[in-house]
PDB file of N, CA and C in Angstrom:
ATOM      1  N   MET A   1       0.829  -1.159   0.000  1.00  0.00           N
ATOM      2  CA  MET A   1       0.000   0.000   0.000  1.00  0.00           C
ATOM      3  C   MET A   1       0.889   1.243   0.000  1.00  0.00           C
ATOM      4  N   VAL A   2       0.561   2.200  -0.893  1.00  0.00           N
ATOM      5  CA  VAL A   2       1.371   3.409  -1.021  1.00  0.00           C
ATOM      6  C   VAL A   2       0.679   4.530  -0.271  1.00  0.00           C
ATOM      7  N   LYS A   3       1.452   5.206   0.523  1.00  0.00           N
ATOM      8  CA  LYS A   3       0.896   6.313   1.293  1.00  0.00           C
ATOM      9  C   LYS A   3       1.024   7.591   0.474  1.00  0.00           C
ATOM     10  N   GLN A   4      -0.029   8.346   0.425  1.00  0.00           N
ATOM     11  CA  GLN A   4       0.007   9.623  -0.276  1.00  0.00           C
ATOM     12  C   GLN A   4       0.232  10.726   0.746  1.00  0.00           C
ATOM     13  N   GLU A   5       1.090  11.637   0.362  1.00  0.00           N
ATOM     14  CA  GLU A   5       1.341  12.754   1.254  1.00  0.00           C
ATOM     15  C   GLU A   5       0.196  13.742   1.143  1.00  0.00           C
ATOM     16  N   LYS A   6      -0.242  14.227   2.253  1.00  0.00           N
ATOM     17  CA  LYS A   6      -1.299  15.205   2.257  1.00  0.00           C
ATOM     18  C   LYS A   6      -0.674  16.582   2.164  1.00  0.00           C
ATOM     19  N   LYS A   7      -1.213  17.374   1.286  1.00  0.00           N
ATOM     20  CA  LYS A   7      -0.732  18.736   1.130  1.00  0.00           C
ATOM     21  C   LYS A   7      -1.454  19.613   2.135  1.00  0.00           C
ATOM     22  N   PRO A   8      -0.776  20.601   2.582  1.00  0.00           N
ATOM     23  CA  PRO A   8      -1.472  21.539   3.473  1.00  0.00           C
ATOM     24  C   PRO A   8      -2.620  22.212   2.724  1.00  0.00           C
ATOM     25  N   ILE A   9      -3.621  22.624   3.444  1.00  0.00           N
ATOM     26  CA  ILE A   9      -4.823  23.218   2.860  1.00  0.00           C
ATOM     27  C   ILE A   9      -4.475  24.472   2.066  1.00  0.00           C
ATOM     28  N   GLU A  10      -3.510  25.225   2.512  1.00  0.00           N
ATOM     29  CA  GLU A  10      -3.142  26.463   1.833  1.00  0.00           C
ATOM     30  C   GLU A  10      -2.644  26.182   0.410  1.00  0.00           C
ATOM     31  N   GLU A  11      -1.842  25.120   0.239  1.00  0.00           N
ATOM     32  CA  GLU A  11      -1.315  24.791  -1.087  1.00  0.00           C
ATOM     33  C   GLU A  11      -2.439  24.394  -2.034  1.00  0.00           C
ATOM     34  N   GLU A  12      -3.431  23.648  -1.524  1.00  0.00           N
ATOM     35  CA  GLU A  12      -4.554  23.238  -2.354  1.00  0.00           C
ATOM     36  C   GLU A  12      -5.342  24.454  -2.823  1.00  0.00           C
ATOM     37  N   GLU A  13      -5.536  25.423  -1.933  1.00  0.00           N
ATOM     38  CA  GLU A  13      -6.269  26.623  -2.298  1.00  0.00           C
ATOM     39  C   GLU A  13      -5.520  27.415  -3.348  1.00  0.00           C
ATOM     40  N   GLU A  14      -4.189  27.466  -3.219  1.00  0.00           N
ATOM     41  CA  GLU A  14      -3.384  28.194  -4.192  1.00  0.00           C
ATOM     42  C   GLU A  14      -3.487  27.550  -5.567  1.00  0.00           C
ATOM     43  N   GLU A  15      -3.468  26.198  -5.620  1.00  0.00           N
ATOM     44  CA  GLU A  15      -3.592  25.494  -6.892  1.00  0.00           C
ATOM     45  C   GLU A  15      -4.946  25.771  -7.529  1.00  0.00           C
ATOM     46  N   GLU A  16      -6.024  25.746  -6.742  1.00  0.00           N
ATOM     47  CA  GLU A  16      -7.353  26.013  -7.263  1.00  0.00           C
ATOM     48  C   GLU A  16      -7.460  27.439  -7.784  1.00  0.00           C
ATOM     49  N   SER A  17      -6.901  28.385  -7.039  1.00  0.00           N
ATOM     50  CA  SER A  17      -6.978  29.769  -7.473  1.00  0.00           C
ATOM     51  C   SER A  17      -6.139  29.993  -8.724  1.00  0.00           C
ATOM     52  N   SER A  18      -5.045  29.263  -8.877  1.00  0.00           N
ATOM     53  CA  SER A  18      -4.240  29.403 -10.092  1.00  0.00           C
ATOM     54  C   SER A  18      -4.982  28.818 -11.292  1.00  0.00           C
ATOM     55  N   ASP A  19      -5.768  27.746 -11.077  1.00  0.00           N
ATOM     56  CA  ASP A  19      -6.582  27.182 -12.158  1.00  0.00           C
ATOM     57  C   ASP A  19      -7.652  28.182 -12.587  1.00  0.00           C
ATOM     58  N   GLU A  20      -8.267  28.852 -11.610  1.00  0.00           N
ATOM     59  CA  GLU A  20      -9.295  29.825 -11.913  1.00  0.00           C
ATOM     60  C   GLU A  20      -8.721  31.004 -12.685  1.00  0.00           C
ATOM     61  N   ALA A  21      -7.510  31.394 -12.344  1.00  0.00           N
ATOM     62  CA  ALA A  21      -6.868  32.516 -13.020  1.00  0.00           C
ATOM     63  C   ALA A  21      -6.616  32.179 -14.490  1.00  0.00           C
ATOM     64  N   VAL A  22      -6.323  30.914 -14.745  1.00  0.00           N
ATOM     65  CA  VAL A  22      -6.076  30.498 -16.117  1.00  0.00           C
ATOM     66  C   VAL A  22      -7.374  30.520 -16.918  1.00  0.00           C
ATOM     67  N   GLU A  23      -8.489  30.173 -16.296  1.00  0.00           N
ATOM     68  CA  GLU A  23      -9.767  30.105 -16.996  1.00  0.00           C
ATOM     69  C   GLU A  23     -10.316  31.487 -17.333  1.00  0.00           C
ATOM     70  N   GLU A  24     -10.068  32.487 -16.509  1.00  0.00           N
ATOM     71  CA  GLU A  24     -10.631  33.813 -16.738  1.00  0.00           C
ATOM     72  C   GLU A  24     -10.227  34.413 -18.085  1.00  0.00           C
ATOM     73  N   PRO A  25      -8.941  34.381 -18.479  1.00  0.00           N
ATOM     74  CA  PRO A  25      -8.605  34.941 -19.789  1.00  0.00           C
ATOM     75  C   PRO A  25      -9.301  34.183 -20.922  1.00  0.00           C
ATOM     76  N   ASN A  26      -9.461  32.864 -20.777  1.00  0.00           N
ATOM     77  CA  ASN A  26     -10.153  32.090 -21.804  1.00  0.00           C
ATOM     78  C   ASN A  26     -11.611  32.511 -21.910  1.00  0.00           C
ATOM     79  N   GLU A  27     -12.252  32.730 -20.755  1.00  0.00           N
ATOM     80  CA  GLU A  27     -13.636  33.151 -20.772  1.00  0.00           C
ATOM     81  C   GLU A  27     -13.772  34.534 -21.388  1.00  0.00           C
ATOM     82  N   ALA A  28     -12.853  35.416 -21.043  1.00  0.00           N
ATOM     83  CA  ALA A  28     -12.913  36.769 -21.591  1.00  0.00           C
ATOM     84  C   ALA A  28     -12.697  36.726 -23.094  1.00  0.00           C
ATOM     85  N   SER A  29     -11.773  35.919 -23.545  1.00  0.00           N
ATOM     86  CA  SER A  29     -11.520  35.859 -24.982  1.00  0.00           C
ATOM     87  C   SER A  29     -12.708  35.228 -25.704  1.00  0.00           C
ATOM     88  N   LEU A  30     -13.369  34.288 -25.073  1.00  0.00           N
ATOM     89  CA  LEU A  30     -14.549  33.674 -25.676  1.00  0.00           C
ATOM     90  C   LEU A  30     -15.663  34.709 -25.805  1.00  0.00           C
ATOM     91  N   GLU A  31     -15.853  35.499 -24.764  1.00  0.00           N
ATOM     92  CA  GLU A  31     -16.863  36.550 -24.813  1.00  0.00           C
ATOM     93  C   GLU A  31     -16.521  37.577 -25.887  1.00  0.00           C
ATOM     94  N   GLU A  32     -15.244  37.904 -25.999  1.00  0.00           N
ATOM     95  CA  GLU A  32     -14.821  38.853 -27.027  1.00  0.00           C
ATOM     96  C   GLU A  32     -15.086  38.298 -28.419  1.00  0.00           C
ATOM     97  N   LEU A  33     -14.805  37.013 -28.619  1.00  0.00           N
ATOM     98  CA  LEU A  33     -15.044  36.388 -29.916  1.00  0.00           C
ATOM     99  C   LEU A  33     -16.526  36.396 -30.264  1.00  0.00           C
ATOM    100  N   ILE A  34     -17.359  36.114 -29.296  1.00  0.00           N
ATOM    101  CA  ILE A  34     -18.800  36.112 -29.542  1.00  0.00           C
ATOM    102  C   ILE A  34     -19.267  37.517 -29.888  1.00  0.00           C
ATOM    103  N   ALA A  35     -18.749  38.507 -29.162  1.00  0.00           N
ATOM    104  CA  ALA A  35     -19.130  39.897 -29.442  1.00  0.00           C
ATOM    105  C   ALA A  35     -18.668  40.307 -30.837  1.00  0.00           C
ATOM    106  N   LYS A  36     -17.451  39.932 -31.204  1.00  0.00           N
ATOM    107  CA  LYS A  36     -16.939  40.264 -32.535  1.00  0.00           C
ATOM    108  C   LYS A  36     -17.756  39.578 -33.618  1.00  0.00           C
ATOM    109  N   LYS A  37     -18.116  38.331 -33.365  1.00  0.00           N
ATOM    110  CA  LYS A  37     -18.900  37.590 -34.352  1.00  0.00           C
ATOM    111  C   LYS A  37     -20.255  38.249 -34.543  1.00  0.00           C
ATOM    112  N   GLY A  38     -20.872  38.699 -33.462  1.00  0.00           N
ATOM    113  CA  GLY A  38     -22.150  39.386 -33.538  1.00  0.00           C
ATOM    114  C   GLY A  38     -22.035  40.689 -34.314  1.00  0.00           C
ATOM    115  N   GLU A  39     -20.933  41.412 -34.117  1.00  0.00           N
ATOM    116  CA  GLU A  39     -20.717  42.662 -34.838  1.00  0.00           C
ATOM    117  C   GLU A  39     -20.489  42.396 -36.317  1.00  0.00           C
ATOM    118  N   ASP A  40     -19.726  41.356 -36.627  1.00  0.00           N
ATOM    119  CA  ASP A  40     -19.418  41.039 -38.020  1.00  0.00           C
ATOM    120  C   ASP A  40     -20.658  40.619 -38.782  1.00  0.00           C
ATOM    121  N   SER A  41     -21.542  39.861 -38.143  1.00  0.00           N
ATOM    122  CA  SER A  41     -22.721  39.367 -38.848  1.00  0.00           C
ATOM    123  C   SER A  41     -23.676  40.500 -39.193  1.00  0.00           C
ATOM    124  N   GLY A  42     -23.703  41.568 -38.421  1.00  0.00           N
ATOM    125  CA  GLY A  42     -24.565  42.700 -38.703  1.00  0.00           C
ATOM    126  C   GLY A  42     -24.074  43.516 -39.885  1.00  0.00           C
ATOM    127  N   ASP A  43     -22.763  43.534 -40.129  1.00  0.00           N
ATOM    128  CA  ASP A  43     -22.194  44.331 -41.205  1.00  0.00           C
ATOM    129  C   ASP A  43     -22.375  43.687 -42.566  1.00  0.00           C
ATOM    130  N   GLU A  44     -22.446  42.379 -42.604  1.00  0.00           N
ATOM    131  CA  GLU A  44     -22.506  41.672 -43.879  1.00  0.00           C
ATOM    132  C   GLU A  44     -23.922  41.676 -44.434  1.00  0.00           C
ATOM    133  N   GLU A  45     -24.029  41.766 -45.742  1.00  0.00           N
ATOM    134  CA  GLU A  45     -25.327  41.671 -46.396  1.00  0.00           C
ATOM    135  C   GLU A  45     -25.613  40.208 -46.663  1.00  0.00           C
ATOM    136  N   PRO A  46     -26.859  39.778 -46.546  1.00  0.00           N
ATOM    137  CA  PRO A  46     -27.165  38.372 -46.813  1.00  0.00           C
ATOM    138  C   PRO A  46     -26.900  38.043 -48.280  1.00  0.00           C
ATOM    139  N   GLU A  47     -26.276  36.917 -48.491  1.00  0.00           N
ATOM    140  CA  GLU A  47     -25.955  36.505 -49.851  1.00  0.00           C
ATOM    141  C   GLU A  47     -27.153  35.803 -50.472  1.00  0.00           C
ATOM    142  N   ASP A  48     -27.401  36.081 -51.729  1.00  0.00           N
ATOM    143  CA  ASP A  48     -28.490  35.425 -52.442  1.00  0.00           C
ATOM    144  C   ASP A  48     -28.073  34.014 -52.801  1.00  0.00           C
ATOM    145  N   GLU A  49     -29.062  33.147 -52.893  1.00  0.00           N
ATOM    146  CA  GLU A  49     -28.809  31.774 -53.302  1.00  0.00           C
ATOM    147  C   GLU A  49     -28.347  31.772 -54.756  1.00  0.00           C
ATOM    148  N   PRO A  50     -27.340  30.999 -55.080  1.00  0.00           N
ATOM    149  CA  PRO A  50     -26.916  30.950 -56.481  1.00  0.00           C
ATOM    150  C   PRO A  50     -27.978  30.274 -57.341  1.00  0.00           C
ATOM    151  N   VAL A  51     -28.140  30.802 -58.519  1.00  0.00           N
ATOM    152  CA  VAL A  51     -29.111  30.239 -59.448  1.00  0.00           C
ATOM    153  C   VAL A  51     -28.509  28.983 -60.056  1.00  0.00           C
ATOM    154  N   ILE A  52     -29.268  27.915 -60.020  1.00  0.00           N
ATOM    155  CA  ILE A  52     -28.783  26.651 -60.557  1.00  0.00           C
ATOM    156  C   ILE A  52     -29.065  26.635 -62.056  1.00  0.00           C
ATOM    157  N   GLU A  53     -28.014  26.529 -62.795  1.00  0.00           N
ATOM    158  CA  GLU A  53     -28.157  26.481 -64.245  1.00  0.00           C
ATOM    159  C   GLU A  53     -27.753  25.091 -64.732  1.00  0.00           C
ATOM    160  N   PRO A  54     -28.494  24.555 -65.681  1.00  0.00           N
ATOM    161  CA  PRO A  54     -28.130  23.224 -66.167  1.00  0.00           C
ATOM    162  C   PRO A  54     -26.798  23.279 -66.913  1.00  0.00           C
ATOM    163  N   GLY A  55     -25.964  22.315 -66.634  1.00  0.00           N
ATOM    164  CA  GLY A  55     -24.666  22.252 -67.282  1.00  0.00           C
ATOM    165  C   GLY A  55     -24.706  21.328 -68.490  1.00  0.00           C
ATOM    166  N   ARG A  56     -23.568  21.130 -69.070  1.00  0.00           N
ATOM    167  CA  ARG A  56     -23.483  20.249 -70.238  1.00  0.00           C
ATOM    168  C   ARG A  56     -23.754  18.805 -69.869  1.00  0.00           C
ATOM    169  N   GLU A  57     -23.484  18.470 -68.611  1.00  0.00           N
ATOM    170  CA  GLU A  57     -23.675  17.086 -68.189  1.00  0.00           C
ATOM    171  C   GLU A  57     -25.148  16.718 -68.090  1.00  0.00           C
ATOM    172  N   GLU A  58     -25.979  17.724 -67.801  1.00  0.00           N
ATOM    173  CA  GLU A  58     -27.408  17.460 -67.653  1.00  0.00           C
ATOM    174  C   GLU A  58     -28.057  17.444 -69.037  1.00  0.00           C
ATOM    175  N   ARG A  59     -28.727  16.377 -69.320  1.00  0.00           N
ATOM    176  CA  ARG A  59     -29.367  16.227 -70.630  1.00  0.00           C
ATOM    177  C   ARG A  59     -30.820  16.648 -70.566  1.00  0.00           C
ATOM    178  N   VAL A  60     -31.274  17.203 -71.649  1.00  0.00           N
ATOM    179  CA  VAL A  60     -32.684  17.527 -71.763  1.00  0.00           C
ATOM    180  C   VAL A  60     -33.350  16.319 -72.387  1.00  0.00           C
ATOM    181  N   GLU A  61     -34.230  15.693 -71.616  1.00  0.00           N
ATOM    182  CA  GLU A  61     -34.886  14.486 -72.096  1.00  0.00           C
ATOM    183  C   GLU A  61     -36.125  14.856 -72.901  1.00  0.00           C
ATOM    184  N   THR A  62     -36.315  14.170 -73.973  1.00  0.00           N
ATOM    185  CA  THR A  62     -37.518  14.392 -74.768  1.00  0.00           C
ATOM    186  C   THR A  62     -38.635  13.512 -74.228  1.00  0.00           C
ATOM    187  N   LEU A  63     -39.833  14.044 -74.266  1.00  0.00           N
ATOM    188  CA  LEU A  63     -40.975  13.275 -73.794  1.00  0.00           C
ATOM    189  C   LEU A  63     -41.430  12.329 -74.884  1.00  0.00           C
ATOM    190  N   SER A  64     -41.767  11.153 -74.476  1.00  0.00           N
ATOM    191  CA  SER A  64     -42.228  10.159 -75.447  1.00  0.00           C
ATOM    192  C   SER A  64     -43.732   9.934 -75.282  1.00  0.00           C
ATOM    193  N   VAL A  65     -44.481  11.024 -75.149  1.00  0.00           N
ATOM    194  CA  VAL A  65     -45.918  10.939 -74.979  1.00  0.00           C
ATOM    195  C   VAL A  65     -46.575  11.360 -76.289  1.00  0.00           C
ATOM    196  N   LYS A  66     -47.482  10.562 -76.742  1.00  0.00           N
ATOM    197  CA  LYS A  66     -48.194  10.882 -77.962  1.00  0.00           C
ATOM    198  C   LYS A  66     -49.491  11.591 -77.586  1.00  0.00           C
ATOM    199  N   VAL A  67     -49.684  12.788 -78.118  1.00  0.00           N
ATOM    200  CA  VAL A  67     -50.884  13.554 -77.832  1.00  0.00           C
ATOM    201  C   VAL A  67     -51.957  13.156 -78.824  1.00  0.00           C
ATOM    202  N   VAL A  68     -53.089  12.748 -78.267  1.00  0.00           N
ATOM    203  CA  VAL A  68     -54.206  12.302 -79.092  1.00  0.00           C
ATOM    204  C   VAL A  68     -55.275  13.379 -79.030  1.00  0.00           C
ATOM    205  N   PRO A  69     -55.824  13.798 -80.161  1.00  0.00           N
ATOM    206  CA  PRO A  69     -56.891  14.812 -80.126  1.00  0.00           C
ATOM    207  C   PRO A  69     -58.141  14.272 -79.423  1.00  0.00           C
ATOM    208  N   GLN A  70     -58.964  15.202 -78.981  1.00  0.00           N
ATOM    209  CA  GLN A  70     -60.180  14.827 -78.272  1.00  0.00           C
ATOM    210  C   GLN A  70     -61.075  13.981 -79.175  1.00  0.00           C
ATOM    211  N   GLN A  71     -61.559  12.894 -78.635  1.00  0.00           N
ATOM    212  CA  GLN A  71     -62.412  11.958 -79.370  1.00  0.00           C
ATOM    213  C   GLN A  71     -63.859  12.447 -79.356  1.00  0.00           C
ATOM    214  N   PRO A  72     -64.654  11.979 -80.301  1.00  0.00           N
ATOM    215  CA  PRO A  72     -66.074  12.379 -80.327  1.00  0.00           C
ATOM    216  C   PRO A  72     -66.847  11.914 -79.100  1.00  0.00           C
ATOM    217  N   THR A  73     -66.334  10.911 -78.395  1.00  0.00           N
ATOM    218  CA  THR A  73     -67.025  10.404 -77.199  1.00  0.00           C
ATOM    219  C   THR A  73     -66.549  11.116 -75.927  1.00  0.00           C
ATOM    220  N   GLU A  74     -65.760  12.150 -76.077  1.00  0.00           N
ATOM    221  CA  GLU A  74     -65.208  12.858 -74.924  1.00  0.00           C
ATOM    222  C   GLU A  74     -65.656  14.318 -74.929  1.00  0.00           C
ATOM    223  N   PHE A  75     -65.547  14.946 -73.763  1.00  0.00           N
ATOM    224  CA  PHE A  75     -65.837  16.372 -73.649  1.00  0.00           C
ATOM    225  C   PHE A  75     -64.837  16.990 -72.673  1.00  0.00           C
ATOM    226  N   THR A  76     -64.686  18.297 -72.706  1.00  0.00           N
ATOM    227  CA  THR A  76     -63.819  19.011 -71.778  1.00  0.00           C
ATOM    228  C   THR A  76     -64.698  19.750 -70.784  1.00  0.00           C
ATOM    229  N   CYS A  77     -64.507  19.434 -69.529  1.00  0.00           N
ATOM    230  CA  CYS A  77     -65.275  20.087 -68.477  1.00  0.00           C
ATOM    231  C   CYS A  77     -64.878  21.562 -68.414  1.00  0.00           C
ATOM    232  N   LYS A  78     -65.860  22.465 -68.355  1.00  0.00           N
ATOM    233  CA  LYS A  78     -65.603  23.902 -68.329  1.00  0.00           C
ATOM    234  C   LYS A  78     -65.200  24.390 -66.937  1.00  0.00           C
ATOM    235  N   ASN A  79     -65.303  23.529 -65.924  1.00  0.00           N
ATOM    236  CA  ASN A  79     -64.928  23.914 -64.571  1.00  0.00           C
ATOM    237  C   ASN A  79     -63.518  23.438 -64.219  1.00  0.00           C
ATOM    238  N   CYS A  80     -63.235  22.160 -64.424  1.00  0.00           N
ATOM    239  CA  CYS A  80     -61.920  21.609 -64.052  1.00  0.00           C
ATOM    240  C   CYS A  80     -60.999  21.444 -65.258  1.00  0.00           C
ATOM    241  N   PHE A  81     -61.520  21.649 -66.471  1.00  0.00           N
ATOM    242  CA  PHE A  81     -60.760  21.588 -67.723  1.00  0.00           C
ATOM    243  C   PHE A  81     -60.124  20.224 -67.989  1.00  0.00           C
ATOM    244  N   LEU A  82     -60.741  19.178 -67.471  1.00  0.00           N
ATOM    245  CA  LEU A  82     -60.282  17.823 -67.753  1.00  0.00           C
ATOM    246  C   LEU A  82     -61.101  17.238 -68.890  1.00  0.00           C
ATOM    247  N   VAL A  83     -60.435  16.429 -69.701  1.00  0.00           N
ATOM    248  CA  VAL A  83     -61.136  15.732 -70.780  1.00  0.00           C
ATOM    249  C   VAL A  83     -61.668  14.432 -70.195  1.00  0.00           C
ATOM    250  N   LYS A  84     -62.987  14.265 -70.305  1.00  0.00           N
ATOM    251  CA  LYS A  84     -63.631  13.090 -69.728  1.00  0.00           C
ATOM    252  C   LYS A  84     -64.569  12.470 -70.750  1.00  0.00           C
ATOM    253  N   HIS A  85     -64.956  11.238 -70.470  1.00  0.00           N
ATOM    254  CA  HIS A  85     -65.888  10.519 -71.336  1.00  0.00           C
ATOM    255  C   HIS A  85     -67.279  11.120 -71.184  1.00  0.00           C
ATOM    256  N   ARG A  86     -68.072  11.035 -72.228  1.00  0.00           N
ATOM    257  CA  ARG A  86     -69.429  11.615 -72.229  1.00  0.00           C
ATOM    258  C   ARG A  86     -70.303  11.058 -71.103  1.00  0.00           C
ATOM    259  N   SER A  87     -70.004   9.875 -70.638  1.00  0.00           N
ATOM    260  CA  SER A  87     -70.790   9.304 -69.541  1.00  0.00           C
ATOM    261  C   SER A  87     -70.575  10.083 -68.236  1.00  0.00           C
ATOM    262  N   GLN A  88     -69.528  10.894 -68.141  1.00  0.00           N
ATOM    263  CA  GLN A  88     -69.243  11.700 -66.957  1.00  0.00           C
ATOM    264  C   GLN A  88     -69.898  13.082 -67.014  1.00  0.00           C
ATOM    265  N   LEU A  89     -70.565  13.388 -68.118  1.00  0.00           N
ATOM    266  CA  LEU A  89     -71.206  14.690 -68.286  1.00  0.00           C
ATOM    267  C   LEU A  89     -72.458  14.771 -67.411  1.00  0.00           C
ATOM    268  N   ALA A  90     -72.496  15.742 -66.495  1.00  0.00           N
ATOM    269  CA  ALA A  90     -73.632  15.884 -65.574  1.00  0.00           C
ATOM    270  C   ALA A  90     -74.518  17.058 -65.961  1.00  0.00           C
ATOM    271  N   ASP A  91     -73.951  18.120 -66.489  1.00  0.00           N
ATOM    272  CA  ASP A  91     -74.717  19.307 -66.840  1.00  0.00           C
ATOM    273  C   ASP A  91     -74.378  19.699 -68.273  1.00  0.00           C
ATOM    274  N   LYS A  92     -75.273  19.387 -69.210  1.00  0.00           N
ATOM    275  CA  LYS A  92     -75.024  19.661 -70.632  1.00  0.00           C
ATOM    276  C   LYS A  92     -74.948  21.154 -70.920  1.00  0.00           C
ATOM    277  N   LYS A  93     -75.773  21.938 -70.226  1.00  0.00           N
ATOM    278  CA  LYS A  93     -75.813  23.369 -70.481  1.00  0.00           C
ATOM    279  C   LYS A  93     -74.501  24.042 -70.096  1.00  0.00           C
ATOM    280  N   ARG A  94     -73.990  23.748 -68.902  1.00  0.00           N
ATOM    281  CA  ARG A  94     -72.742  24.355 -68.433  1.00  0.00           C
ATOM    282  C   ARG A  94     -71.522  23.521 -68.799  1.00  0.00           C
ATOM    283  N   MET A  95     -71.700  22.314 -69.286  1.00  0.00           N
ATOM    284  CA  MET A  95     -70.627  21.379 -69.650  1.00  0.00           C
ATOM    285  C   MET A  95     -69.728  21.054 -68.444  1.00  0.00           C
ATOM    286  N   PHE A  96     -70.390  20.686 -67.318  1.00  0.00           N
ATOM    287  CA  PHE A  96     -69.678  20.292 -66.111  1.00  0.00           C
ATOM    288  C   PHE A  96     -69.707  18.777 -65.976  1.00  0.00           C
ATOM    289  N   CYS A  97     -68.625  18.232 -65.442  1.00  0.00           N
ATOM    290  CA  CYS A  97     -68.563  16.779 -65.207  1.00  0.00           C
ATOM    291  C   CYS A  97     -69.262  16.437 -63.890  1.00  0.00           C
ATOM    292  N   VAL A  98     -69.420  15.170 -63.617  1.00  0.00           N
ATOM    293  CA  VAL A  98     -70.081  14.673 -62.422  1.00  0.00           C
ATOM    294  C   VAL A  98     -69.328  15.133 -61.170  1.00  0.00           C
ATOM    295  N   ASP A  99     -68.017  15.125 -61.213  1.00  0.00           N
ATOM    296  CA  ASP A  99     -67.216  15.513 -60.048  1.00  0.00           C
ATOM    297  C   ASP A  99     -67.424  16.985 -59.694  1.00  0.00           C
ATOM    298  N   CYS A 100     -67.522  17.856 -60.697  1.00  0.00           N
ATOM    299  CA  CYS A 100     -67.675  19.289 -60.438  1.00  0.00           C
ATOM    300  C   CYS A 100     -69.076  19.652 -59.965  1.00  0.00           C
ATOM    301  N   VAL A 101     -70.072  18.935 -60.437  1.00  0.00           N
ATOM    302  CA  VAL A 101     -71.452  19.209 -60.011  1.00  0.00           C
ATOM    303  C   VAL A 101     -71.641  18.742 -58.576  1.00  0.00           C
ATOM    304  N   ALA A 102     -71.019  17.628 -58.197  1.00  0.00           N
ATOM    305  CA  ALA A 102     -71.174  17.070 -56.857  1.00  0.00           C
ATOM    306  C   ALA A 102     -70.503  17.949 -55.806  1.00  0.00           C
ATOM    307  N   SER A 103     -69.466  18.671 -56.166  1.00  0.00           N
ATOM    308  CA  SER A 103     -68.767  19.482 -55.149  1.00  0.00           C
ATOM    309  C   SER A 103     -69.191  20.900 -55.108  1.00  0.00           C
TER     310      SER A 103
END
């Protein structure tokens, strides 16, 4: 068993106070940095987001959808502008579909 020497109370207090003295400049410098950062952020103007432009690597894909003209059995609803089958026609005068008349 190893015996540890006990330090007098005065020496322990001196060590603690020396540790505290070391921390104070760090705290002050941290506060100064925060204050400087706050001052700097107020001076700067907010930067706009850069506009994303397509590069050469990005290809423009062509759509492979075939557009078919409106069939004689279809109509275009004057409210929702969807092309629907004549069986969905609810109001011939206003040319509204069943969905638009119900809502």
